[in-house]
Amino acid sequence: MKKYVGSMIGVDQGNDEVFSDFASGGDMWTGQGARERRKRVAFSEPFRKVPSVQVSLSLWDMDQGANVRADIAADNVTEDGFDLVFRTWSDTRVARVRMSWMAIGEVASEDDWELL
């Protein structure tokens, strides 16, 4: 559990296309075996400390001829951003994926001050 000091909690959110491989014949659509795509996301402003990030699929366009397999995650989370990660494996064919995300964490206040 993360506990935040004070009341300056920030929430940033977005919805990003991670890839679209159908038209280009990319490996998520044509490949076999383990495959992964990452997309770096920058927060609209930095958090004071590393925030909690939740991700979800907001669009997935999958071939109906194989099992649907997906693993999604937020990785490399820092105060400034994180990586959206989509993984699949075996014979799953993925045409495109869009992911939504929400980051919650402590943010700086204009009332903050630092001793030098």
PDB file of N, CA and C in Angstrom:
ATOM      1  N   MET A   1       0.846  -1.182   0.000  1.00  0.00           N
ATOM      2  CA  MET A   1       0.000   0.000   0.000  1.00  0.00           C
ATOM      3  C   MET A   1       0.889   1.241   0.000  1.00  0.00           C
ATOM      4  N   LYS A   2       0.529   2.199  -0.816  1.00  0.00           N
ATOM      5  CA  LYS A   2       1.223   3.479  -0.804  1.00  0.00           C
ATOM      6  C   LYS A   2       0.416   4.437   0.053  1.00  0.00           C
ATOM      7  N   LYS A   3       1.108   5.169   0.915  1.00  0.00           N
ATOM      8  CA  LYS A   3       0.463   6.193   1.734  1.00  0.00           C
ATOM      9  C   LYS A   3       1.056   7.529   1.333  1.00  0.00           C
ATOM     10  N   TYR A   4       0.193   8.511   1.104  1.00  0.00           N
ATOM     11  CA  TYR A   4       0.627   9.805   0.630  1.00  0.00           C
ATOM     12  C   TYR A   4       0.543  10.836   1.744  1.00  0.00           C
ATOM     13  N   VAL A   5       1.546  11.696   1.780  1.00  0.00           N
ATOM     14  CA  VAL A   5       1.610  12.760   2.769  1.00  0.00           C
ATOM     15  C   VAL A   5       0.840  13.960   2.233  1.00  0.00           C
ATOM     16  N   GLY A   6       0.015  14.571   3.073  1.00  0.00           N
ATOM     17  CA  GLY A   6      -0.710  15.761   2.647  1.00  0.00           C
ATOM     18  C   GLY A   6      -1.855  15.432   1.713  1.00  0.00           C
ATOM     19  N   SER A   7      -2.352  16.467   1.064  1.00  0.00           N
ATOM     20  CA  SER A   7      -3.541  16.281   0.232  1.00  0.00           C
ATOM     21  C   SER A   7      -3.280  16.554  -1.246  1.00  0.00           C
ATOM     22  N   MET A   8      -2.025  16.642  -1.657  1.00  0.00           N
ATOM     23  CA  MET A   8      -1.728  16.929  -3.058  1.00  0.00           C
ATOM     24  C   MET A   8      -1.572  15.626  -3.835  1.00  0.00           C
ATOM     25  N   ILE A   9      -2.702  15.065  -4.210  1.00  0.00           N
ATOM     26  CA  ILE A   9      -2.727  13.837  -4.985  1.00  0.00           C
ATOM     27  C   ILE A   9      -3.102  14.195  -6.421  1.00  0.00           C
ATOM     28  N   GLY A  10      -2.309  13.704  -7.368  1.00  0.00           N
ATOM     29  CA  GLY A  10      -2.577  13.969  -8.777  1.00  0.00           C
ATOM     30  C   GLY A  10      -3.044  12.708  -9.480  1.00  0.00           C
ATOM     31  N   VAL A  11      -3.924  12.883 -10.452  1.00  0.00           N
ATOM     32  CA  VAL A  11      -4.396  11.789 -11.289  1.00  0.00           C
ATOM     33  C   VAL A  11      -4.169  12.213 -12.736  1.00  0.00           C
ATOM     34  N   ASP A  12      -3.431  11.400 -13.461  1.00  0.00           N
ATOM     35  CA  ASP A  12      -3.214  11.631 -14.886  1.00  0.00           C
ATOM     36  C   ASP A  12      -3.755  10.398 -15.608  1.00  0.00           C
ATOM     37  N   GLN A  13      -4.268  10.575 -16.805  1.00  0.00           N
ATOM     38  CA  GLN A  13      -4.834   9.426 -17.516  1.00  0.00           C
ATOM     39  C   GLN A  13      -4.740   9.639 -19.011  1.00  0.00           C
ATOM     40  N   GLY A  14      -4.850   8.535 -19.744  1.00  0.00           N
ATOM     41  CA  GLY A  14      -4.781   8.631 -21.190  1.00  0.00           C
ATOM     42  C   GLY A  14      -5.274   7.364 -21.857  1.00  0.00           C
ATOM     43  N   ASN A  15      -5.290   7.403 -23.168  1.00  0.00           N
ATOM     44  CA  ASN A  15      -5.745   6.301 -24.000  1.00  0.00           C
ATOM     45  C   ASN A  15      -4.858   6.321 -25.244  1.00  0.00           C
ATOM     46  N   ASP A  16      -3.984   5.315 -25.396  1.00  0.00           N
ATOM     47  CA  ASP A  16      -2.969   5.341 -26.440  1.00  0.00           C
ATOM     48  C   ASP A  16      -3.020   4.098 -27.312  1.00  0.00           C
ATOM     49  N   GLU A  17      -2.898   4.301 -28.625  1.00  0.00           N
ATOM     50  CA  GLU A  17      -2.736   3.159 -29.514  1.00  0.00           C
ATOM     51  C   GLU A  17      -1.327   2.619 -29.325  1.00  0.00           C
ATOM     52  N   VAL A  18      -1.220   1.344 -29.026  1.00  0.00           N
ATOM     53  CA  VAL A  18       0.087   0.726 -28.812  1.00  0.00           C
ATOM     54  C   VAL A  18       0.653   0.249 -30.148  1.00  0.00           C
ATOM     55  N   PHE A  19      -0.194  -0.325 -31.006  1.00  0.00           N
ATOM     56  CA  PHE A  19       0.228  -0.722 -32.343  1.00  0.00           C
ATOM     57  C   PHE A  19      -0.994  -0.996 -33.215  1.00  0.00           C
ATOM     58  N   SER A  20      -0.742  -1.008 -34.527  1.00  0.00           N
ATOM     59  CA  SER A  20      -1.736  -1.396 -35.523  1.00  0.00           C
ATOM     60  C   SER A  20      -0.973  -2.152 -36.607  1.00  0.00           C
ATOM     61  N   ASP A  21      -1.042  -3.482 -36.573  1.00  0.00           N
ATOM     62  CA  ASP A  21      -0.218  -4.323 -37.446  1.00  0.00           C
ATOM     63  C   ASP A  21      -0.964  -4.936 -38.621  1.00  0.00           C
ATOM     64  N   PHE A  22      -2.272  -4.825 -38.681  1.00  0.00           N
ATOM     65  CA  PHE A  22      -3.042  -5.496 -39.730  1.00  0.00           C
ATOM     66  C   PHE A  22      -2.662  -4.989 -41.119  1.00  0.00           C
ATOM     67  N   ALA A  23      -2.729  -3.692 -41.331  1.00  0.00           N
ATOM     68  CA  ALA A  23      -2.488  -3.121 -42.660  1.00  0.00           C
ATOM     69  C   ALA A  23      -1.036  -3.279 -43.104  1.00  0.00           C
ATOM     70  N   SER A  24      -0.106  -3.225 -42.147  1.00  0.00           N
ATOM     71  CA  SER A  24       1.316  -3.282 -42.495  1.00  0.00           C
ATOM     72  C   SER A  24       1.883  -4.695 -42.485  1.00  0.00           C
ATOM     73  N   GLY A  25       1.098  -5.676 -42.065  1.00  0.00           N
ATOM     74  CA  GLY A  25       1.587  -7.046 -41.996  1.00  0.00           C
ATOM     75  C   GLY A  25       2.616  -7.259 -40.908  1.00  0.00           C
ATOM     76  N   GLY A  26       2.511  -6.472 -39.828  1.00  0.00           N
ATOM     77  CA  GLY A  26       3.460  -6.556 -38.718  1.00  0.00           C
ATOM     78  C   GLY A  26       3.415  -7.890 -37.991  1.00  0.00           C
ATOM     79  N   ASP A  27       4.410  -8.133 -37.143  1.00  0.00           N
ATOM     80  CA  ASP A  27       4.562  -9.441 -36.512  1.00  0.00           C
ATOM     81  C   ASP A  27       3.471  -9.781 -35.501  1.00  0.00           C
ATOM     82  N   MET A  28       2.768  -8.814 -34.971  1.00  0.00           N
ATOM     83  CA  MET A  28       1.656  -9.154 -34.074  1.00  0.00           C
ATOM     84  C   MET A  28       0.525  -9.815 -34.867  1.00  0.00           C
ATOM     85  N   TRP A  29       0.412  -9.453 -36.150  1.00  0.00           N
ATOM     86  CA  TRP A  29      -0.631 -10.019 -37.007  1.00  0.00           C
ATOM     87  C   TRP A  29      -0.153 -11.276 -37.731  1.00  0.00           C
ATOM     88  N   THR A  30       1.084 -11.292 -38.172  1.00  0.00           N
ATOM     89  CA  THR A  30       1.577 -12.390 -38.998  1.00  0.00           C
ATOM     90  C   THR A  30       2.494 -13.363 -38.259  1.00  0.00           C
ATOM     91  N   GLY A  31       2.984 -12.979 -37.076  1.00  0.00           N
ATOM     92  CA  GLY A  31       3.990 -13.774 -36.382  1.00  0.00           C
ATOM     93  C   GLY A  31       3.433 -14.931 -35.572  1.00  0.00           C
ATOM     94  N   GLN A  32       4.339 -15.703 -35.029  1.00  0.00           N
ATOM     95  CA  GLN A  32       4.039 -16.844 -34.152  1.00  0.00           C
ATOM     96  C   GLN A  32       4.922 -16.717 -32.922  1.00  0.00           C
ATOM     97  N   GLY A  33       4.537 -17.393 -31.855  1.00  0.00           N
ATOM     98  CA  GLY A  33       5.367 -17.419 -30.656  1.00  0.00           C
ATOM     99  C   GLY A  33       5.244 -16.164 -29.819  1.00  0.00           C
ATOM    100  N   ALA A  34       6.184 -15.998 -28.903  1.00  0.00           N
ATOM    101  CA  ALA A  34       6.167 -14.859 -27.976  1.00  0.00           C
ATOM    102  C   ALA A  34       6.478 -13.562 -28.720  1.00  0.00           C
ATOM    103  N   ARG A  35       5.622 -12.564 -28.502  1.00  0.00           N
ATOM    104  CA  ARG A  35       5.795 -11.246 -29.103  1.00  0.00           C
ATOM    105  C   ARG A  35       5.441 -10.189 -28.078  1.00  0.00           C
ATOM    106  N   GLU A  36       6.087  -9.034 -28.180  1.00  0.00           N
ATOM    107  CA  GLU A  36       5.860  -7.954 -27.225  1.00  0.00           C
ATOM    108  C   GLU A  36       5.953  -6.612 -27.937  1.00  0.00           C
ATOM    109  N   ARG A  37       5.099  -5.682 -27.512  1.00  0.00           N
ATOM    110  CA  ARG A  37       5.173  -4.295 -27.959  1.00  0.00           C
ATOM    111  C   ARG A  37       5.145  -3.397 -26.727  1.00  0.00           C
ATOM    112  N   ARG A  38       5.926  -2.325 -26.801  1.00  0.00           N
ATOM    113  CA  ARG A  38       5.995  -1.330 -25.735  1.00  0.00           C
ATOM    114  C   ARG A  38       5.778   0.059 -26.327  1.00  0.00           C
ATOM    115  N   LYS A  39       5.153   0.909 -25.532  1.00  0.00           N
ATOM    116  CA  LYS A  39       5.008   2.312 -25.919  1.00  0.00           C
ATOM    117  C   LYS A  39       5.277   3.166 -24.685  1.00  0.00           C
ATOM    118  N   ARG A  40       6.221   4.081 -24.803  1.00  0.00           N
ATOM    119  CA  ARG A  40       6.551   4.973 -23.695  1.00  0.00           C
ATOM    120  C   ARG A  40       5.485   6.050 -23.581  1.00  0.00           C
ATOM    121  N   VAL A  41       5.037   6.296 -22.363  1.00  0.00           N
ATOM    122  CA  VAL A  41       4.043   7.326 -22.068  1.00  0.00           C
ATOM    123  C   VAL A  41       4.682   8.335 -21.123  1.00  0.00           C
ATOM    124  N   ALA A  42       4.574   9.619 -21.450  1.00  0.00           N
ATOM    125  CA  ALA A  42       5.060  10.687 -20.581  1.00  0.00           C
ATOM    126  C   ALA A  42       3.864  11.309 -19.856  1.00  0.00           C
ATOM    127  N   PHE A  43       3.981  11.479 -18.541  1.00  0.00           N
ATOM    128  CA  PHE A  43       2.917  12.134 -17.783  1.00  0.00           C
ATOM    129  C   PHE A  43       2.851  13.610 -18.169  1.00  0.00           C
ATOM    130  N   SER A  44       1.689  14.232 -17.984  1.00  0.00           N
ATOM    131  CA  SER A  44       1.523  15.643 -18.342  1.00  0.00           C
ATOM    132  C   SER A  44       2.385  16.554 -17.474  1.00  0.00           C
ATOM    133  N   GLU A  45       2.717  16.098 -16.279  1.00  0.00           N
ATOM    134  CA  GLU A  45       3.698  16.761 -15.417  1.00  0.00           C
ATOM    135  C   GLU A  45       4.249  15.695 -14.466  1.00  0.00           C
ATOM    136  N   PRO A  46       5.473  15.886 -13.982  1.00  0.00           N
ATOM    137  CA  PRO A  46       6.065  14.847 -13.127  1.00  0.00           C
ATOM    138  C   PRO A  46       5.338  14.716 -11.784  1.00  0.00           C
ATOM    139  N   PHE A  47       5.318  13.498 -11.293  1.00  0.00           N
ATOM    140  CA  PHE A  47       4.850  13.250  -9.930  1.00  0.00           C
ATOM    141  C   PHE A  47       6.016  13.489  -8.986  1.00  0.00           C
ATOM    142  N   ARG A  48       5.716  13.699  -7.721  1.00  0.00           N
ATOM    143  CA  ARG A  48       6.755  13.907  -6.708  1.00  0.00           C
ATOM    144  C   ARG A  48       7.505  12.609  -6.429  1.00  0.00           C
ATOM    145  N   LYS A  49       6.780  11.504  -6.420  1.00  0.00           N
ATOM    146  CA  LYS A  49       7.340  10.171  -6.229  1.00  0.00           C
ATOM    147  C   LYS A  49       6.712   9.262  -7.277  1.00  0.00           C
ATOM    148  N   VAL A  50       7.250   8.058  -7.428  1.00  0.00           N
ATOM    149  CA  VAL A  50       6.725   7.115  -8.408  1.00  0.00           C
ATOM    150  C   VAL A  50       5.249   6.829  -8.102  1.00  0.00           C
ATOM    151  N   PRO A  51       4.349   7.072  -9.064  1.00  0.00           N
ATOM    152  CA  PRO A  51       2.920   6.864  -8.830  1.00  0.00           C
ATOM    153  C   PRO A  51       2.513   5.403  -9.018  1.00  0.00           C
ATOM    154  N   SER A  52       1.301   5.094  -8.634  1.00  0.00           N
ATOM    155  CA  SER A  52       0.678   3.812  -8.966  1.00  0.00           C
ATOM    156  C   SER A  52       0.026   3.967 -10.328  1.00  0.00           C
ATOM    157  N   VAL A  53       0.240   2.989 -11.215  1.00  0.00           N
ATOM    158  CA  VAL A  53      -0.299   3.057 -12.573  1.00  0.00           C
ATOM    159  C   VAL A  53      -1.127   1.812 -12.834  1.00  0.00           C
ATOM    160  N   GLN A  54      -2.328   2.018 -13.362  1.00  0.00           N
ATOM    161  CA  GLN A  54      -3.212   0.920 -13.747  1.00  0.00           C
ATOM    162  C   GLN A  54      -3.444   1.011 -15.247  1.00  0.00           C
ATOM    163  N   VAL A  55      -3.400  -0.138 -15.926  1.00  0.00           N
ATOM    164  CA  VAL A  55      -3.639  -0.168 -17.372  1.00  0.00           C
ATOM    165  C   VAL A  55      -4.771  -1.134 -17.692  1.00  0.00           C
ATOM    166  N   SER A  56      -5.440  -0.872 -18.812  1.00  0.00           N
ATOM    167  CA  SER A  56      -6.507  -1.762 -19.278  1.00  0.00           C
ATOM    168  C   SER A  56      -6.576  -1.680 -20.802  1.00  0.00           C
ATOM    169  N   LEU A  57      -7.163  -2.699 -21.401  1.00  0.00           N
ATOM    170  CA  LEU A  57      -7.389  -2.673 -22.843  1.00  0.00           C
ATOM    171  C   LEU A  57      -8.634  -1.845 -23.135  1.00  0.00           C
ATOM    172  N   SER A  58      -8.523  -0.883 -24.033  1.00  0.00           N
ATOM    173  CA  SER A  58      -9.705  -0.121 -24.440  1.00  0.00           C
ATOM    174  C   SER A  58     -10.137  -0.515 -25.857  1.00  0.00           C
ATOM    175  N   LEU A  59      -9.225  -1.157 -26.619  1.00  0.00           N
ATOM    176  CA  LEU A  59      -9.576  -1.713 -27.917  1.00  0.00           C
ATOM    177  C   LEU A  59      -8.610  -2.855 -28.195  1.00  0.00           C
ATOM    178  N   TRP A  60      -9.160  -3.973 -28.594  1.00  0.00           N
ATOM    179  CA  TRP A  60      -8.328  -5.063 -29.100  1.00  0.00           C
ATOM    180  C   TRP A  60      -9.050  -5.658 -30.283  1.00  0.00           C
ATOM    181  N   ASP A  61      -8.318  -5.782 -31.363  1.00  0.00           N
ATOM    182  CA  ASP A  61      -8.835  -6.297 -32.615  1.00  0.00           C
ATOM    183  C   ASP A  61      -8.057  -7.582 -32.883  1.00  0.00           C
ATOM    184  N   MET A  62      -8.723  -8.723 -32.624  1.00  0.00           N
ATOM    185  CA  MET A  62      -8.064 -10.022 -32.677  1.00  0.00           C
ATOM    186  C   MET A  62      -8.693 -10.893 -33.758  1.00  0.00           C
ATOM    187  N   ASP A  63      -7.885 -11.783 -34.315  1.00  0.00           N
ATOM    188  CA  ASP A  63      -8.370 -12.768 -35.274  1.00  0.00           C
ATOM    189  C   ASP A  63      -9.188 -13.813 -34.528  1.00  0.00           C
ATOM    190  N   GLN A  64     -10.322 -14.195 -35.073  1.00  0.00           N
ATOM    191  CA  GLN A  64     -11.198 -15.165 -34.416  1.00  0.00           C
ATOM    192  C   GLN A  64     -10.767 -16.607 -34.652  1.00  0.00           C
ATOM    193  N   GLY A  65      -9.750 -16.824 -35.493  1.00  0.00           N
ATOM    194  CA  GLY A  65      -9.339 -18.171 -35.843  1.00  0.00           C
ATOM    195  C   GLY A  65      -8.384 -18.831 -34.861  1.00  0.00           C
ATOM    196  N   ALA A  66      -7.962 -18.119 -33.829  1.00  0.00           N
ATOM    197  CA  ALA A  66      -7.026 -18.684 -32.843  1.00  0.00           C
ATOM    198  C   ALA A  66      -7.452 -18.226 -31.450  1.00  0.00           C
ATOM    199  N   ASN A  67      -6.882 -18.852 -30.432  1.00  0.00           N
ATOM    200  CA  ASN A  67      -7.161 -18.427 -29.063  1.00  0.00           C
ATOM    201  C   ASN A  67      -6.680 -16.993 -28.843  1.00  0.00           C
ATOM    202  N   VAL A  68      -7.428 -16.259 -28.029  1.00  0.00           N
ATOM    203  CA  VAL A  68      -7.067 -14.891 -27.684  1.00  0.00           C
ATOM    204  C   VAL A  68      -6.192 -14.955 -26.435  1.00  0.00           C
ATOM    205  N   ARG A  69      -4.944 -14.493 -26.574  1.00  0.00           N
ATOM    206  CA  ARG A  69      -3.994 -14.505 -25.461  1.00  0.00           C
ATOM    207  C   ARG A  69      -3.393 -13.114 -25.334  1.00  0.00           C
ATOM    208  N   ALA A  70      -3.451 -12.554 -24.132  1.00  0.00           N
ATOM    209  CA  ALA A  70      -2.890 -11.221 -23.931  1.00  0.00           C
ATOM    210  C   ALA A  70      -2.422 -11.060 -22.492  1.00  0.00           C
ATOM    211  N   ASP A  71      -1.306 -10.383 -22.352  1.00  0.00           N
ATOM    212  CA  ASP A  71      -0.768  -9.990 -21.050  1.00  0.00           C
ATOM    213  C   ASP A  71      -0.445  -8.513 -21.170  1.00  0.00           C
ATOM    214  N   ILE A  72      -1.040  -7.689 -20.310  1.00  0.00           N
ATOM    215  CA  ILE A  72      -0.795  -6.250 -20.370  1.00  0.00           C
ATOM    216  C   ILE A  72      -0.214  -5.788 -19.043  1.00  0.00           C
ATOM    217  N   ALA A  73       0.609  -4.731 -19.104  1.00  0.00           N
ATOM    218  CA  ALA A  73       1.256  -4.249 -17.884  1.00  0.00           C
ATOM    219  C   ALA A  73       1.752  -2.825 -18.067  1.00  0.00           C
ATOM    220  N   ALA A  74       2.013  -2.180 -16.928  1.00  0.00           N
ATOM    221  CA  ALA A  74       2.769  -0.934 -16.882  1.00  0.00           C
ATOM    222  C   ALA A  74       4.148  -1.324 -16.369  1.00  0.00           C
ATOM    223  N   ASP A  75       5.200  -0.888 -17.078  1.00  0.00           N
ATOM    224  CA  ASP A  75       6.560  -1.266 -16.707  1.00  0.00           C
ATOM    225  C   ASP A  75       7.442  -0.020 -16.698  1.00  0.00           C
ATOM    226  N   ASN A  76       8.557  -0.109 -15.999  1.00  0.00           N
ATOM    227  CA  ASN A  76       9.522   0.998 -15.922  1.00  0.00           C
ATOM    228  C   ASN A  76       8.852   2.299 -15.487  1.00  0.00           C
ATOM    229  N   VAL A  77       8.034   2.234 -14.450  1.00  0.00           N
ATOM    230  CA  VAL A  77       7.321   3.422 -13.964  1.00  0.00           C
ATOM    231  C   VAL A  77       8.296   4.333 -13.226  1.00  0.00           C
ATOM    232  N   THR A  78       8.307   5.604 -13.618  1.00  0.00           N
ATOM    233  CA  THR A  78       9.105   6.631 -12.946  1.00  0.00           C
ATOM    234  C   THR A  78       8.190   7.811 -12.627  1.00  0.00           C
ATOM    235  N   GLU A  79       8.764   8.846 -12.057  1.00  0.00           N
ATOM    236  CA  GLU A  79       7.996  10.060 -11.765  1.00  0.00           C
ATOM    237  C   GLU A  79       7.534  10.751 -13.051  1.00  0.00           C
ATOM    238  N   ASP A  80       8.222  10.498 -14.171  1.00  0.00           N
ATOM    239  CA  ASP A  80       7.947  11.198 -15.427  1.00  0.00           C
ATOM    240  C   ASP A  80       7.102  10.419 -16.421  1.00  0.00           C
ATOM    241  N   GLY A  81       7.026   9.080 -16.272  1.00  0.00           N
ATOM    242  CA  GLY A  81       6.276   8.288 -17.236  1.00  0.00           C
ATOM    243  C   GLY A  81       6.462   6.797 -17.015  1.00  0.00           C
ATOM    244  N   PHE A  82       6.048   6.006 -18.006  1.00  0.00           N
ATOM    245  CA  PHE A  82       6.111   4.551 -17.904  1.00  0.00           C
ATOM    246  C   PHE A  82       5.960   3.942 -19.297  1.00  0.00           C
ATOM    247  N   ASP A  83       6.138   2.621 -19.372  1.00  0.00           N
ATOM    248  CA  ASP A  83       5.945   1.880 -20.619  1.00  0.00           C
ATOM    249  C   ASP A  83       4.636   1.104 -20.566  1.00  0.00           C
ATOM    250  N   LEU A  84       3.785   1.305 -21.574  1.00  0.00           N
ATOM    251  CA  LEU A  84       2.644   0.415 -21.788  1.00  0.00           C
ATOM    252  C   LEU A  84       3.198  -0.844 -22.435  1.00  0.00           C
ATOM    253  N   VAL A  85       2.821  -2.022 -21.929  1.00  0.00           N
ATOM    254  CA  VAL A  85       3.358  -3.280 -22.465  1.00  0.00           C
ATOM    255  C   VAL A  85       2.208  -4.208 -22.826  1.00  0.00           C
ATOM    256  N   PHE A  86       2.264  -4.733 -24.060  1.00  0.00           N
ATOM    257  CA  PHE A  86       1.318  -5.737 -24.524  1.00  0.00           C
ATOM    258  C   PHE A  86       2.119  -6.942 -24.989  1.00  0.00           C
ATOM    259  N   ARG A  87       1.751  -8.122 -24.484  1.00  0.00           N
ATOM    260  CA  ARG A  87       2.420  -9.362 -24.888  1.00  0.00           C
ATOM    261  C   ARG A  87       1.380 -10.378 -25.332  1.00  0.00           C
ATOM    262  N   THR A  88       1.777 -11.192 -26.311  1.00  0.00           N
ATOM    263  CA  THR A  88       0.977 -12.335 -26.711  1.00  0.00           C
ATOM    264  C   THR A  88       1.915 -13.468 -27.080  1.00  0.00           C
ATOM    265  N   TRP A  89       1.373 -14.647 -27.378  1.00  0.00           N
ATOM    266  CA  TRP A  89       2.201 -15.813 -27.667  1.00  0.00           C
ATOM    267  C   TRP A  89       1.420 -16.825 -28.492  1.00  0.00           C
ATOM    268  N   SER A  90       2.120 -17.869 -28.886  1.00  0.00           N
ATOM    269  CA  SER A  90       1.580 -18.975 -29.663  1.00  0.00           C
ATOM    270  C   SER A  90       1.059 -18.467 -31.011  1.00  0.00           C
ATOM    271  N   ASP A  91      -0.143 -18.917 -31.423  1.00  0.00           N
ATOM    272  CA  ASP A  91      -0.665 -18.563 -32.743  1.00  0.00           C
ATOM    273  C   ASP A  91      -1.650 -17.395 -32.722  1.00  0.00           C
ATOM    274  N   THR A  92      -1.755 -16.694 -31.587  1.00  0.00           N
ATOM    275  CA  THR A  92      -2.670 -15.552 -31.496  1.00  0.00           C
ATOM    276  C   THR A  92      -2.278 -14.486 -32.517  1.00  0.00           C
ATOM    277  N   ARG A  93      -3.291 -13.950 -33.214  1.00  0.00           N
ATOM    278  CA  ARG A  93      -3.079 -12.900 -34.218  1.00  0.00           C
ATOM    279  C   ARG A  93      -3.798 -11.631 -33.751  1.00  0.00           C
ATOM    280  N   VAL A  94      -3.018 -10.570 -33.589  1.00  0.00           N
ATOM    281  CA  VAL A  94      -3.547  -9.306 -33.076  1.00  0.00           C
ATOM    282  C   VAL A  94      -3.385  -8.235 -34.146  1.00  0.00           C
ATOM    283  N   ALA A  95      -4.500  -7.656 -34.572  1.00  0.00           N
ATOM    284  CA  ALA A  95      -4.457  -6.610 -35.595  1.00  0.00           C
ATOM    285  C   ALA A  95      -4.056  -5.266 -34.992  1.00  0.00           C
ATOM    286  N   ARG A  96      -4.662  -4.900 -33.861  1.00  0.00           N
ATOM    287  CA  ARG A  96      -4.336  -3.625 -33.223  1.00  0.00           C
ATOM    288  C   ARG A  96      -4.778  -3.630 -31.774  1.00  0.00           C
ATOM    289  N   VAL A  97      -4.133  -2.758 -30.990  1.00  0.00           N
ATOM    290  CA  VAL A  97      -4.424  -2.646 -29.564  1.00  0.00           C
ATOM    291  C   VAL A  97      -4.336  -1.180 -29.154  1.00  0.00           C
ATOM    292  N   ARG A  98      -5.306  -0.769 -28.366  1.00  0.00           N
ATOM    293  CA  ARG A  98      -5.279   0.534 -27.710  1.00  0.00           C
ATOM    294  C   ARG A  98      -5.445   0.276 -26.224  1.00  0.00           C
ATOM    295  N   MET A  99      -4.680   0.994 -25.396  1.00  0.00           N
ATOM    296  CA  MET A  99      -4.736   0.790 -23.951  1.00  0.00           C
ATOM    297  C   MET A  99      -5.027   2.102 -23.228  1.00  0.00           C
ATOM    298  N   SER A 100      -5.858   2.006 -22.211  1.00  0.00           N
ATOM    299  CA  SER A 100      -6.135   3.131 -21.318  1.00  0.00           C
ATOM    300  C   SER A 100      -5.264   2.982 -20.083  1.00  0.00           C
ATOM    301  N   TRP A 101      -4.948   4.105 -19.461  1.00  0.00           N
ATOM    302  CA  TRP A 101      -4.123   4.071 -18.260  1.00  0.00           C
ATOM    303  C   TRP A 101      -4.515   5.191 -17.306  1.00  0.00           C
ATOM    304  N   MET A 102      -4.217   4.962 -16.037  1.00  0.00           N
ATOM    305  CA  MET A 102      -4.441   5.971 -15.008  1.00  0.00           C
ATOM    306  C   MET A 102      -3.288   5.899 -14.009  1.00  0.00           C
ATOM    307  N   ALA A 103      -2.712   7.056 -13.711  1.00  0.00           N
ATOM    308  CA  ALA A 103      -1.630   7.157 -12.733  1.00  0.00           C
ATOM    309  C   ALA A 103      -2.115   8.015 -11.567  1.00  0.00           C
ATOM    310  N   ILE A 104      -1.871   7.537 -10.357  1.00  0.00           N
ATOM    311  CA  ILE A 104      -2.290   8.256  -9.145  1.00  0.00           C
ATOM    312  C   ILE A 104      -1.090   8.354  -8.233  1.00  0.00           C
ATOM    313  N   GLY A 105      -0.787   9.565  -7.785  1.00  0.00           N
ATOM    314  CA  GLY A 105       0.357   9.734  -6.899  1.00  0.00           C
ATOM    315  C   GLY A 105       0.464  11.130  -6.348  1.00  0.00           C
ATOM    316  N   GLU A 106       1.478  11.293  -5.533  1.00  0.00           N
ATOM    317  CA  GLU A 106       1.731  12.574  -4.873  1.00  0.00           C
ATOM    318  C   GLU A 106       2.344  13.556  -5.864  1.00  0.00           C
ATOM    319  N   VAL A 107       1.831  14.788  -5.882  1.00  0.00           N
ATOM    320  CA  VAL A 107       2.353  15.833  -6.757  1.00  0.00           C
ATOM    321  C   VAL A 107       2.802  17.023  -5.929  1.00  0.00           C
ATOM    322  N   ALA A 108       3.645  17.841  -6.526  1.00  0.00           N
ATOM    323  CA  ALA A 108       4.151  19.032  -5.846  1.00  0.00           C
ATOM    324  C   ALA A 108       3.054  20.083  -5.734  1.00  0.00           C
ATOM    325  N   SER A 109       3.178  20.906  -4.712  1.00  0.00           N
ATOM    326  CA  SER A 109       2.253  22.010  -4.483  1.00  0.00           C
ATOM    327  C   SER A 109       3.011  23.320  -4.613  1.00  0.00           C
ATOM    328  N   GLU A 110       2.324  24.365  -5.010  1.00  0.00           N
ATOM    329  CA  GLU A 110       2.982  25.673  -5.074  1.00  0.00           C
ATOM    330  C   GLU A 110       3.358  26.170  -3.684  1.00  0.00           C
ATOM    331  N   ASP A 111       2.786  25.571  -2.647  1.00  0.00           N
ATOM    332  CA  ASP A 111       3.125  25.938  -1.274  1.00  0.00           C
ATOM    333  C   ASP A 111       4.350  25.202  -0.747  1.00  0.00           C
ATOM    334  N   ASP A 112       4.895  24.246  -1.524  1.00  0.00           N
ATOM    335  CA  ASP A 112       6.106  23.530  -1.100  1.00  0.00           C
ATOM    336  C   ASP A 112       7.296  24.486  -1.104  1.00  0.00           C
ATOM    337  N   TRP A 113       8.215  24.240  -0.213  1.00  0.00           N
ATOM    338  CA  TRP A 113       9.457  25.006  -0.201  1.00  0.00           C
ATOM    339  C   TRP A 113      10.587  24.101   0.223  1.00  0.00           C
ATOM    340  N   GLU A 114      11.798  24.471  -0.186  1.00  0.00           N
ATOM    341  CA  GLU A 114      12.980  23.670   0.077  1.00  0.00           C
ATOM    342  C   GLU A 114      14.027  24.504   0.782  1.00  0.00           C
ATOM    343  N   LEU A 115      14.672  23.908   1.771  1.00  0.00           N
ATOM    344  CA  LEU A 115      15.812  24.555   2.410  1.00  0.00           C
ATOM    345  C   LEU A 115      17.060  24.227   1.609  1.00  0.00           C
ATOM    346  N   LEU A 116      17.851  25.235   1.323  1.00  0.00           N
ATOM    347  CA  LEU A 116      19.079  25.002   0.561  1.00  0.00           C
ATOM    348  C   LEU A 116      20.284  24.946   1.459  1.00  0.00           C
TER     349      LEU A 116
END
